C-alpha atoms as a PDB file:
ATOM      1  CA  MET A   1     -29.724 -52.022  36.146  1.00  0.00           C
ATOM      2  CA  THR A   2     -27.083 -54.644  36.673  1.00  0.00           C
ATOM      3  CA  ASP A   3     -23.383 -54.091  36.011  1.00  0.00           C
ATOM      4  CA  ARG A   4     -23.689 -56.332  32.957  1.00  0.00           C
ATOM      5  CA  SER A   5     -26.613 -54.290  31.610  1.00  0.00           C
ATOM      6  CA  LEU A   6     -24.695 -51.053  32.138  1.00  0.00           C
ATOM      7  CA  ALA A   7     -21.679 -52.536  30.343  1.00  0.00           C
ATOM      8  CA  LEU A   8     -23.850 -53.553  27.373  1.00  0.00           C
ATOM      9  CA  VAL A   9     -25.409 -50.087  27.168  1.00  0.00           C
ATOM     10  CA  GLN A  10     -21.951 -48.478  27.279  1.00  0.00           C
ATOM     11  CA  GLU A  11     -20.659 -50.879  24.599  1.00  0.00           C
ATOM     12  CA  HIS A  12     -23.650 -50.022  22.380  1.00  0.00           C
ATOM     13  CA  ASP A  13     -23.101 -46.276  22.931  1.00  0.00           C
ATOM     14  CA  ASP A  14     -19.410 -46.648  22.040  1.00  0.00           C
ATOM     15  CA  SER A  15     -20.336 -48.546  18.872  1.00  0.00           C
ATOM     16  CA  VAL A  16     -22.821 -45.853  17.852  1.00  0.00           C
ATOM     17  CA  ASP A  17     -20.288 -43.098  18.550  1.00  0.00           C
ATOM     18  CA  GLU A  18     -17.678 -44.964  16.522  1.00  0.00           C
ATOM     19  CA  ARG A  19     -20.062 -45.370  13.572  1.00  0.00           C
ATOM     20  CA  ILE A  20     -20.936 -41.664  13.656  1.00  0.00           C
ATOM     21  CA  THR A  21     -17.286 -40.607  13.854  1.00  0.00           C
ATOM     22  CA  SER A  22     -16.165 -43.041  11.143  1.00  0.00           C
ATOM     23  CA  ALA A  23     -18.901 -41.943   8.745  1.00  0.00           C
ATOM     24  CA  ALA A  24     -18.236 -38.248   9.342  1.00  0.00           C
ATOM     25  CA  LEU A  25     -14.475 -38.723   8.894  1.00  0.00           C
ATOM     26  CA  GLU A  26     -14.947 -40.617   5.654  1.00  0.00           C
ATOM     27  CA  LEU A  27     -17.216 -37.869   4.294  1.00  0.00           C
ATOM     28  CA  LEU A  28     -14.700 -35.244   5.401  1.00  0.00           C
ATOM     29  CA  ARG A  29     -11.736 -37.072   3.835  1.00  0.00           C
ATOM     30  CA  SER A  30     -13.395 -37.828   0.539  1.00  0.00           C
ATOM     31  CA  ARG A  31     -15.662 -34.853  -0.108  1.00  0.00           C
ATOM     32  CA  GLY A  32     -14.669 -32.140   2.339  1.00  0.00           C
ATOM     33  CA  PRO A  33     -16.466 -30.457   5.227  1.00  0.00           C
ATOM     34  CA  VAL A  34     -19.415 -29.258   3.138  1.00  0.00           C
ATOM     35  CA  ALA A  35     -20.417 -32.908   2.670  1.00  0.00           C
ATOM     36  CA  VAL A  36     -20.592 -33.459   6.429  1.00  0.00           C
ATOM     37  CA  SER A  37     -24.160 -32.899   7.562  1.00  0.00           C
ATOM     38  CA  ILE A  38     -26.274 -34.655  10.154  1.00  0.00           C
ATOM     39  CA  GLU A  39     -28.360 -36.133   7.321  1.00  0.00           C
ATOM     40  CA  ALA A  40     -25.332 -37.389   5.372  1.00  0.00           C
ATOM     41  CA  VAL A  41     -23.707 -38.877   8.476  1.00  0.00           C
ATOM     42  CA  SER A  42     -26.994 -40.570   9.376  1.00  0.00           C
ATOM     43  CA  ALA A  43     -27.257 -42.099   5.909  1.00  0.00           C
ATOM     44  CA  ALA A  44     -23.615 -43.207   5.870  1.00  0.00           C
ATOM     45  CA  SER A  45     -23.569 -44.587   9.420  1.00  0.00           C
ATOM     46  CA  GLY A  46     -27.032 -46.077   9.664  1.00  0.00           C
ATOM     47  CA  VAL A  47     -27.553 -44.118  12.890  1.00  0.00           C
ATOM     48  CA  ALA A  48     -30.801 -42.177  13.251  1.00  0.00           C
ATOM     49  CA  LYS A  49     -30.573 -38.394  12.972  1.00  0.00           C
ATOM     50  CA  THR A  50     -32.203 -38.063  16.393  1.00  0.00           C
ATOM     51  CA  THR A  51     -29.439 -40.177  17.928  1.00  0.00           C
ATOM     52  CA  ILE A  52     -26.777 -38.013  16.288  1.00  0.00           C
ATOM     53  CA  TYR A  53     -28.522 -34.853  17.506  1.00  0.00           C
ATOM     54  CA  ARG A  54     -28.534 -36.249  21.060  1.00  0.00           C
ATOM     55  CA  ARG A  55     -24.740 -36.405  20.858  1.00  0.00           C
ATOM     56  CA  HIS A  56     -24.062 -33.292  18.740  1.00  0.00           C
ATOM     57  CA  ARG A  57     -26.371 -30.296  18.853  1.00  0.00           C
ATOM     58  CA  ASN A  58     -25.569 -29.292  15.254  1.00  0.00           C
ATOM     59  CA  ARG A  59     -23.225 -29.831  12.306  1.00  0.00           C
ATOM     60  CA  GLU A  60     -20.522 -27.575  13.744  1.00  0.00           C
ATOM     61  CA  ALA A  61     -20.470 -29.525  17.021  1.00  0.00           C
ATOM     62  CA  LEU A  62     -20.257 -32.766  15.046  1.00  0.00           C
ATOM     63  CA  LEU A  63     -17.329 -31.463  12.967  1.00  0.00           C
ATOM     64  CA  ARG A  64     -15.537 -30.253  16.098  1.00  0.00           C
ATOM     65  CA  ALA A  65     -15.983 -33.652  17.779  1.00  0.00           C
ATOM     66  CA  VAL A  66     -14.767 -35.478  14.679  1.00  0.00           C
ATOM     67  CA  ILE A  67     -11.666 -33.304  14.342  1.00  0.00           C
ATOM     68  CA  ASP A  68     -10.954 -33.682  18.050  1.00  0.00           C
ATOM     69  CA  ALA A  69     -11.329 -37.463  17.773  1.00  0.00           C
ATOM     70  CA  ALA A  70      -9.026 -37.606  14.743  1.00  0.00           C
ATOM     71  CA  ALA A  71      -6.432 -35.147  16.022  1.00  0.00           C
ATOM     72  CA  ILE A  72      -3.059 -36.646  16.587  1.00  0.00           C
ATOM     73  CA  ARG A  73      -0.904 -35.141  19.263  1.00  0.00           C
ATOM     74  CA  ILE A  74       2.556 -34.742  17.870  1.00  0.00           C
ATOM     75  CA  ALA A  75       5.223 -36.327  20.007  1.00  0.00           C
ATOM     76  CA  VAL A  76       8.301 -34.679  18.561  1.00  0.00           C
ATOM     77  CA  PRO A  77      11.180 -37.143  18.527  1.00  0.00           C
ATOM     78  CA  ILE A  78      13.835 -35.557  20.722  1.00  0.00           C
ATOM     79  CA  ASP A  79      16.811 -37.586  19.554  1.00  0.00           C
ATOM     80  CA  LEU A  80      16.759 -36.530  15.891  1.00  0.00           C
ATOM     81  CA  SER A  81      19.012 -34.027  14.176  1.00  0.00           C
ATOM     82  CA  ALA A  82      17.352 -30.883  12.828  1.00  0.00           C
ATOM     83  CA  TYR A  83      17.485 -32.333   9.307  1.00  0.00           C
ATOM     84  CA  ASP A  84      15.835 -35.576  10.435  1.00  0.00           C
ATOM     85  CA  THR A  85      13.251 -33.634  12.440  1.00  0.00           C
ATOM     86  CA  PHE A  86      12.213 -31.785   9.262  1.00  0.00           C
ATOM     87  CA  ARG A  87      12.105 -35.102   7.394  1.00  0.00           C
ATOM     88  CA  TRP A  88      10.010 -36.641  10.164  1.00  0.00           C
ATOM     89  CA  PHE A  89       7.623 -33.669   9.969  1.00  0.00           C
ATOM     90  CA  LEU A  90       7.213 -34.011   6.199  1.00  0.00           C
ATOM     91  CA  VAL A  91       6.421 -37.714   6.443  1.00  0.00           C
ATOM     92  CA  HIS A  92       4.096 -37.154   9.428  1.00  0.00           C
ATOM     93  CA  ALA A  93       2.269 -34.292   7.656  1.00  0.00           C
ATOM     94  CA  ARG A  94       1.804 -36.421   4.535  1.00  0.00           C
ATOM     95  CA  GLU A  95       0.383 -39.310   6.560  1.00  0.00           C
ATOM     96  CA  THR A  96      -1.925 -36.981   8.494  1.00  0.00           C
ATOM     97  CA  ILE A  97      -3.291 -35.352   5.355  1.00  0.00           C
ATOM     98  CA  GLU A  98      -3.709 -38.630   3.497  1.00  0.00           C
ATOM     99  CA  ASN A  99      -5.069 -40.753   6.347  1.00  0.00           C
ATOM    100  CA  ILE A 100      -6.813 -38.399   8.745  1.00  0.00           C
ATOM    101  CA  VAL A 101      -7.778 -35.040   7.290  1.00  0.00           C
ATOM    102  CA  GLY A 102      -8.054 -36.200   3.681  1.00  0.00           C
ATOM    103  CA  ARG A 103      -7.536 -34.404   0.444  1.00  0.00           C
ATOM    104  CA  GLY A 104     -11.217 -33.439   0.291  1.00  0.00           C
ATOM    105  CA  ALA A 105     -10.801 -31.354   3.450  1.00  0.00           C
ATOM    106  CA  VAL A 106      -7.570 -29.790   2.156  1.00  0.00           C
ATOM    107  CA  ALA A 107      -9.271 -28.878  -1.122  1.00  0.00           C
ATOM    108  CA  ALA A 108     -12.186 -27.321   0.762  1.00  0.00           C
ATOM    109  CA  ILE A 109      -9.796 -25.223   2.817  1.00  0.00           C
ATOM    110  CA  MET A 110      -7.972 -24.059  -0.295  1.00  0.00           C
ATOM    111  CA  LEU A 111     -11.287 -23.132  -1.914  1.00  0.00           C
ATOM    112  CA  ASN A 112     -12.492 -21.478   1.311  1.00  0.00           C
ATOM    113  CA  GLU A 113     -15.712 -23.496   1.166  1.00  0.00           C
ATOM    114  CA  ASP A 114     -16.281 -23.551   4.915  1.00  0.00           C
ATOM    115  CA  THR A 115     -14.545 -20.797   6.889  1.00  0.00           C
ATOM    116  CA  GLU A 116     -15.635 -22.151  10.297  1.00  0.00           C
ATOM    117  CA  PHE A 117     -14.160 -25.548   9.491  1.00  0.00           C
ATOM    118  CA  ALA A 118     -10.966 -23.955   8.182  1.00  0.00           C
ATOM    119  CA  MET A 119     -10.579 -21.931  11.383  1.00  0.00           C
ATOM    120  CA  LEU A 120     -11.241 -25.007  13.526  1.00  0.00           C
ATOM    121  CA  LEU A 121      -8.724 -27.119  11.638  1.00  0.00           C
ATOM    122  CA  HIS A 122      -6.148 -24.330  11.688  1.00  0.00           C
ATOM    123  CA  GLU A 123      -6.618 -23.992  15.458  1.00  0.00           C
ATOM    124  CA  ARG A 124      -6.040 -27.742  15.922  1.00  0.00           C
ATOM    125  CA  ILE A 125      -2.996 -27.764  13.648  1.00  0.00           C
ATOM    126  CA  ARG A 126      -1.451 -24.815  15.513  1.00  0.00           C
ATOM    127  CA  ALA A 127      -2.044 -26.474  18.872  1.00  0.00           C
ATOM    128  CA  ASN A 128      -0.748 -29.859  17.738  1.00  0.00           C
ATOM    129  CA  THR A 129       2.380 -28.492  16.053  1.00  0.00           C
ATOM    130  CA  LYS A 130       3.344 -26.071  18.829  1.00  0.00           C
ATOM    131  CA  PRO A 131       5.877 -28.491  20.396  1.00  0.00           C
ATOM    132  CA  LEU A 132       7.543 -28.932  17.001  1.00  0.00           C
ATOM    133  CA  ARG A 133       7.618 -25.202  16.277  1.00  0.00           C
ATOM    134  CA  ASP A 134       9.044 -24.536  19.751  1.00  0.00           C
ATOM    135  CA  ASP A 135      11.717 -27.201  19.185  1.00  0.00           C
ATOM    136  CA  LEU A 136      12.704 -25.687  15.843  1.00  0.00           C
ATOM    137  CA  ARG A 137      12.876 -22.170  17.363  1.00  0.00           C
ATOM    138  CA  ARG A 138      15.150 -23.525  20.089  1.00  0.00           C
ATOM    139  CA  ARG A 139      17.356 -25.137  17.457  1.00  0.00           C
ATOM    140  CA  SER A 140      17.549 -21.826  15.610  1.00  0.00           C
ATOM    141  CA  ASP A 141      18.452 -20.015  18.833  1.00  0.00           C
ATOM    142  CA  THR A 142      21.204 -22.525  19.642  1.00  0.00           C
ATOM    143  CA  GLY A 143      22.735 -22.450  16.155  1.00  0.00           C
ATOM    144  CA  GLU A 144      21.650 -25.887  14.948  1.00  0.00           C
ATOM    145  CA  LEU A 145      19.492 -24.088  12.372  1.00  0.00           C
ATOM    146  CA  ARG A 146      20.031 -20.734  10.700  1.00  0.00           C
ATOM    147  CA  ALA A 147      19.695 -17.834  13.137  1.00  0.00           C
ATOM    148  CA  ASN A 148      16.410 -15.918  13.078  1.00  0.00           C
ATOM    149  CA  LEU A 149      14.762 -18.589  10.922  1.00  0.00           C
ATOM    150  CA  ASP A 150      11.092 -17.808  10.280  1.00  0.00           C
ATOM    151  CA  ILE A 151       9.674 -21.091  11.588  1.00  0.00           C
ATOM    152  CA  GLU A 152       6.098 -20.276  10.543  1.00  0.00           C
ATOM    153  CA  LEU A 153       7.240 -19.676   6.960  1.00  0.00           C
ATOM    154  CA  VAL A 154       9.281 -22.886   6.965  1.00  0.00           C
ATOM    155  CA  MET A 155       6.266 -24.891   8.200  1.00  0.00           C
ATOM    156  CA  SER A 156       4.126 -23.354   5.449  1.00  0.00           C
ATOM    157  CA  LEU A 157       6.747 -24.148   2.811  1.00  0.00           C
ATOM    158  CA  LEU A 158       7.012 -27.743   3.953  1.00  0.00           C
ATOM    159  CA  LEU A 159       3.245 -28.290   4.017  1.00  0.00           C
ATOM    160  CA  GLY A 160       2.900 -26.456   0.717  1.00  0.00           C
ATOM    161  CA  THR A 161       5.280 -28.829  -1.004  1.00  0.00           C
ATOM    162  CA  PHE A 162       3.056 -31.782  -0.169  1.00  0.00           C
ATOM    163  CA  ILE A 163      -0.071 -29.963  -1.329  1.00  0.00           C
ATOM    164  CA  ALA A 164       1.657 -28.957  -4.578  1.00  0.00           C
ATOM    165  CA  GLU A 165       2.720 -32.578  -5.158  1.00  0.00           C
ATOM    166  CA  SER A 166      -0.878 -33.669  -4.589  1.00  0.00           C
ATOM    167  CA  ILE A 167      -2.180 -31.125  -7.083  1.00  0.00           C
ATOM    168  CA  ARG A 168       0.379 -32.275  -9.652  1.00  0.00           C
ATOM    169  CA  GLY A 169      -0.688 -35.858  -9.037  1.00  0.00           C
ATOM    170  CA  SER A 170       2.844 -36.847  -8.110  1.00  0.00           C
ATOM    171  CA  SER A 171       3.741 -39.561  -5.692  1.00  0.00           C
ATOM    172  CA  SER A 172       4.870 -38.450  -2.266  1.00  0.00           C
ATOM    173  CA  ALA A 173       6.786 -41.537  -1.195  1.00  0.00           C
ATOM    174  CA  ASP A 174       9.369 -41.188   1.552  1.00  0.00           C
ATOM    175  CA  ASP A 175      12.051 -40.279  -0.987  1.00  0.00           C
ATOM    176  CA  TRP A 176       9.942 -37.206  -1.754  1.00  0.00           C
ATOM    177  CA  ALA A 177      10.716 -35.897   1.749  1.00  0.00           C
ATOM    178  CA  ASP A 178      14.429 -36.381   1.100  1.00  0.00           C
ATOM    179  CA  SER A 179      14.182 -34.528  -2.236  1.00  0.00           C
ATOM    180  CA  VAL A 180      12.389 -31.594  -0.602  1.00  0.00           C
ATOM    181  CA  LEU A 181      14.926 -31.362   2.198  1.00  0.00           C
ATOM    182  CA  GLU A 182      17.895 -31.713  -0.126  1.00  0.00           C
ATOM    183  CA  PHE A 183      16.570 -28.676  -1.977  1.00  0.00           C
ATOM    184  CA  LEU A 184      15.622 -26.608   1.090  1.00  0.00           C
ATOM    185  CA  TRP A 185      18.340 -27.587   3.554  1.00  0.00           C
ATOM    186  CA  PRO A 186      20.886 -24.940   2.403  1.00  0.00           C
ATOM    187  CA  SER A 187      18.316 -22.281   3.389  1.00  0.00           C
ATOM    188  CA  LEU A 188      17.706 -23.862   6.790  1.00  0.00           C
ATOM    189  CA  ALA A 189      21.210 -24.852   7.864  1.00  0.00           C
ATOM    190  CA  PRO A 190      23.387 -22.442   9.860  1.00  0.00           C
END
C-alpha cells in the first residue's frame, strides 16, 4: 500500500469513528443511555453493525468510548477569586450538561435506568473535577473559603441547582449563576 492509500484508509476510518461517536452522543443526549445500542447507533450513523462491533465489542464498550471522547478535562482557571471560581464552575457545568452529556442522560441517571452508565459517568465526573475540588479544599484551608467546608456537598448543591432549574423549565442564563452564588455565598465565605 502506498502512503496515499494508507492516508485514505485512515481518513475513512476517522470518518466512520466520528459518525459512530456523533450518533451515539446524540442518542445519549436526547434519549439517555438506554437508547444507545449497537443497532440504534448503526441506524442513526449509517454504519454497519459489524463495523461498529469491530471497534466496540459491546454496548458498554461503546458507551465508555463515547463518554471518553466527550469528556472535557477541566482546566481550572488559577487567577480567579473563589467566588468567580464557583461561578465559572456553574457556567461550565451547565454547558457540559446541555452540550455534552445532555438532559436525557441526566434524567436516566436520576431515574437509575442504567446503573453501569451512571457509575461510568460518575467516575469520569470525579476524575475530571478533581483539580477543582482540590483547589477549593486548598482555598478552604488557607481561609479564602469557610474553614472545614464540605467541598463534596458544595459541588452537589451547585450541580443540583442546575438540575432543579431544568426540571422547573427555567432558563439558566449566565445571570442564573450569579443568582445562585448570591444566595449561597454567605455559607461559603469565611
